[in-house]
């Protein structure tokens, strides 16, 4: 009976190990997607800041208010 109980425990642990490995893979894939989204947002913010600076520079140029 002990051998059966040990085997059952071993099977349970192997099942749990496989489940955890699957969970880790899913979590890593989700993390990769989140990082990709984050980098896209950062890029969009940088682009927005550049556009804003260009617009401000254009206004300064058109009004003759250029910093030395």
N, C-alpha and C. Protein backbone atom coordinates (compact mmCIF):
# COMPACT_ATOMS: atom_id res chain seq x y z
N UNK A 1 0.82 -1.20 0.00
CA UNK A 1 0.00 0.00 0.00
C UNK A 1 0.87 1.26 0.00
N UNK A 2 1.98 1.21 0.69
CA UNK A 2 2.86 2.36 0.75
C UNK A 2 3.41 2.70 -0.62
N UNK A 3 3.77 1.70 -1.39
CA UNK A 3 4.30 1.93 -2.74
C UNK A 3 3.24 2.61 -3.60
N UNK A 4 1.98 2.21 -3.44
CA UNK A 4 0.88 2.82 -4.19
C UNK A 4 0.67 4.25 -3.73
N UNK A 5 0.74 4.48 -2.43
CA UNK A 5 0.56 5.83 -1.90
C UNK A 5 1.68 6.73 -2.37
N UNK A 6 2.91 6.22 -2.40
CA UNK A 6 4.05 7.01 -2.86
C UNK A 6 3.90 7.31 -4.34
N UNK A 7 3.50 6.30 -5.11
CA UNK A 7 3.32 6.51 -6.54
C UNK A 7 2.22 7.53 -6.78
N UNK A 8 1.16 7.45 -6.02
CA UNK A 8 0.07 8.40 -6.16
C UNK A 8 0.57 9.81 -5.85
N UNK A 9 1.36 9.94 -4.80
CA UNK A 9 1.92 11.25 -4.45
C UNK A 9 2.86 11.72 -5.55
N UNK A 10 3.66 10.80 -6.08
CA UNK A 10 4.57 11.16 -7.17
C UNK A 10 3.79 11.62 -8.40
N UNK A 11 2.70 10.91 -8.72
CA UNK A 11 1.86 11.31 -9.85
C UNK A 11 1.26 12.69 -9.63
N UNK A 12 0.81 12.92 -8.41
CA UNK A 12 0.23 14.23 -8.08
C UNK A 12 1.27 15.34 -8.24
N UNK A 13 2.47 15.07 -7.78
CA UNK A 13 3.54 16.06 -7.88
C UNK A 13 3.93 16.30 -9.34
N UNK A 14 3.98 15.24 -10.14
CA UNK A 14 4.29 15.39 -11.56
C UNK A 14 3.20 16.19 -12.26
N UNK A 15 1.95 15.91 -11.93
CA UNK A 15 0.83 16.67 -12.50
C UNK A 15 0.94 18.15 -12.12
N UNK A 16 1.24 18.38 -10.83
CA UNK A 16 1.38 19.76 -10.36
C UNK A 16 2.55 20.45 -11.06
N UNK A 17 3.65 19.73 -11.23
CA UNK A 17 4.82 20.28 -11.92
C UNK A 17 4.45 20.68 -13.35
N UNK A 18 3.75 19.81 -14.07
CA UNK A 18 3.34 20.11 -15.44
C UNK A 18 2.41 21.32 -15.47
N UNK A 19 1.49 21.38 -14.52
CA UNK A 19 0.55 22.51 -14.45
C UNK A 19 1.31 23.82 -14.21
N UNK A 20 2.25 23.78 -13.29
CA UNK A 20 3.03 24.98 -12.97
C UNK A 20 3.89 25.41 -14.15
N UNK A 21 4.47 24.43 -14.86
CA UNK A 21 5.26 24.77 -16.05
C UNK A 21 4.38 25.44 -17.10
N UNK A 22 3.18 24.92 -17.28
CA UNK A 22 2.24 25.53 -18.21
C UNK A 22 1.86 26.94 -17.78
N UNK A 23 1.61 27.10 -16.49
CA UNK A 23 1.28 28.43 -15.95
C UNK A 23 2.43 29.41 -16.17
N UNK A 24 3.64 28.95 -15.97
CA UNK A 24 4.82 29.80 -16.17
C UNK A 24 4.93 30.23 -17.62
N UNK A 25 4.75 29.28 -18.55
CA UNK A 25 4.81 29.62 -19.98
C UNK A 25 3.74 30.65 -20.34
N UNK A 26 2.53 30.45 -19.84
CA UNK A 26 1.44 31.40 -20.12
C UNK A 26 1.75 32.77 -19.54
N UNK A 27 2.28 32.79 -18.33
CA UNK A 27 2.61 34.05 -17.67
C UNK A 27 3.74 34.77 -18.41
N UNK A 28 4.74 34.02 -18.85
CA UNK A 28 5.83 34.62 -19.61
C UNK A 28 5.33 35.20 -20.93
N UNK A 29 4.42 34.48 -21.59
CA UNK A 29 3.87 34.99 -22.85
C UNK A 29 3.07 36.26 -22.60
N UNK A 30 2.29 36.27 -21.53
CA UNK A 30 1.50 37.46 -21.19
C UNK A 30 2.42 38.63 -20.85
N UNK A 31 3.48 38.35 -20.09
CA UNK A 31 4.44 39.39 -19.74
C UNK A 31 5.10 39.97 -20.99
N UNK A 32 5.42 39.13 -21.94
CA UNK A 32 6.01 39.60 -23.20
C UNK A 32 5.05 40.53 -23.92
N UNK A 33 3.76 40.16 -23.97
CA UNK A 33 2.77 41.02 -24.62
C UNK A 33 2.63 42.35 -23.88
N UNK A 34 2.64 42.31 -22.55
CA UNK A 34 2.54 43.54 -21.77
C UNK A 34 3.75 44.44 -22.00
N UNK A 35 4.93 43.85 -22.04
CA UNK A 35 6.15 44.63 -22.30
C UNK A 35 6.08 45.27 -23.68
N UNK A 36 5.59 44.52 -24.66
CA UNK A 36 5.46 45.06 -26.01
C UNK A 36 4.50 46.24 -26.03
N UNK A 37 3.37 46.10 -25.37
CA UNK A 37 2.40 47.20 -25.29
C UNK A 37 3.02 48.41 -24.59
N UNK A 38 3.75 48.17 -23.51
CA UNK A 38 4.39 49.24 -22.76
C UNK A 38 5.38 50.00 -23.64
N UNK A 39 6.19 49.25 -24.39
CA UNK A 39 7.17 49.90 -25.26
C UNK A 39 6.50 50.70 -26.37
N UNK A 40 5.37 50.21 -26.86
CA UNK A 40 4.63 50.97 -27.87
C UNK A 40 4.12 52.28 -27.29
N UNK A 41 3.62 52.23 -26.07
CA UNK A 41 3.13 53.45 -25.42
C UNK A 41 4.29 54.42 -25.17
N UNK A 42 5.42 53.90 -24.72
CA UNK A 42 6.60 54.77 -24.53
C UNK A 42 7.00 55.44 -25.84
N UNK A 43 7.01 54.66 -26.91
CA UNK A 43 7.35 55.21 -28.22
C UNK A 43 6.36 56.29 -28.63
N UNK A 44 5.08 56.05 -28.40
CA UNK A 44 4.06 57.04 -28.74
C UNK A 44 4.24 58.31 -27.91
N UNK A 45 4.58 58.16 -26.65
CA UNK A 45 4.83 59.33 -25.80
C UNK A 45 6.04 60.12 -26.29
N UNK A 46 7.09 59.43 -26.68
CA UNK A 46 8.26 60.12 -27.21
C UNK A 46 7.93 60.85 -28.50
N UNK A 47 7.18 60.20 -29.37
CA UNK A 47 6.77 60.81 -30.63
C UNK A 47 5.93 62.05 -30.35
N UNK A 48 5.02 61.94 -29.39
CA UNK A 48 4.16 63.07 -29.02
C UNK A 48 5.00 64.25 -28.50
N UNK A 49 5.99 63.94 -27.68
CA UNK A 49 6.85 64.99 -27.14
C UNK A 49 7.63 65.68 -28.26
N UNK A 50 8.10 64.88 -29.22
CA UNK A 50 8.84 65.45 -30.35
C UNK A 50 7.92 66.34 -31.19
N UNK A 51 6.70 65.87 -31.45
CA UNK A 51 5.74 66.66 -32.22
C UNK A 51 5.42 67.97 -31.50
N UNK A 52 5.26 67.89 -30.20
CA UNK A 52 4.95 69.08 -29.40
C UNK A 52 6.10 70.08 -29.48
N UNK A 53 7.34 69.57 -29.38
CA UNK A 53 8.50 70.44 -29.45
C UNK A 53 8.61 71.09 -30.82
N UNK A 54 8.35 70.33 -31.87
CA UNK A 54 8.40 70.88 -33.22
C UNK A 54 7.34 71.97 -33.39
N UNK A 55 6.15 71.74 -32.84
CA UNK A 55 5.09 72.74 -32.94
C UNK A 55 5.47 74.01 -32.19
N UNK A 56 6.05 73.85 -31.01
CA UNK A 56 6.49 75.02 -30.24
C UNK A 56 7.60 75.76 -30.97
N UNK A 57 8.52 75.02 -31.56
CA UNK A 57 9.61 75.65 -32.32
C UNK A 57 9.06 76.40 -33.53
N UNK A 58 8.05 75.83 -34.19
CA UNK A 58 7.45 76.48 -35.35
C UNK A 58 6.77 77.78 -34.95
N UNK A 59 6.11 77.79 -33.80
CA UNK A 59 5.46 79.01 -33.32
C UNK A 59 6.51 80.07 -33.01
N UNK A 60 7.61 79.66 -32.35
CA UNK A 60 8.68 80.61 -32.03
C UNK A 60 9.29 81.19 -33.30
N UNK A 61 9.50 80.32 -34.29
CA UNK A 61 10.08 80.77 -35.55
C UNK A 61 9.16 81.75 -36.26
N UNK A 62 7.86 81.45 -36.28
CA UNK A 62 6.91 82.32 -37.01
C UNK A 62 6.70 83.65 -36.29
N UNK A 63 6.92 83.67 -34.99
CA UNK A 63 6.75 84.95 -34.26
C UNK A 63 8.08 85.68 -34.08
N UNK A 64 9.16 85.05 -34.51
CA UNK A 64 10.46 85.67 -34.38
C UNK A 64 11.01 85.60 -32.97
N UNK A 65 10.44 84.77 -32.16
CA UNK A 65 10.85 84.63 -30.75
C UNK A 65 11.73 83.41 -30.61
N UNK A 66 12.93 83.48 -31.20
CA UNK A 66 13.84 82.33 -31.21
C UNK A 66 14.88 82.51 -30.12
N UNK A 67 15.08 81.46 -29.37
CA UNK A 67 16.10 81.49 -28.31
C UNK A 67 17.48 81.44 -28.95
N UNK A 68 18.44 82.19 -28.43
CA UNK A 68 19.80 82.18 -29.00
C UNK A 68 20.50 80.86 -28.78
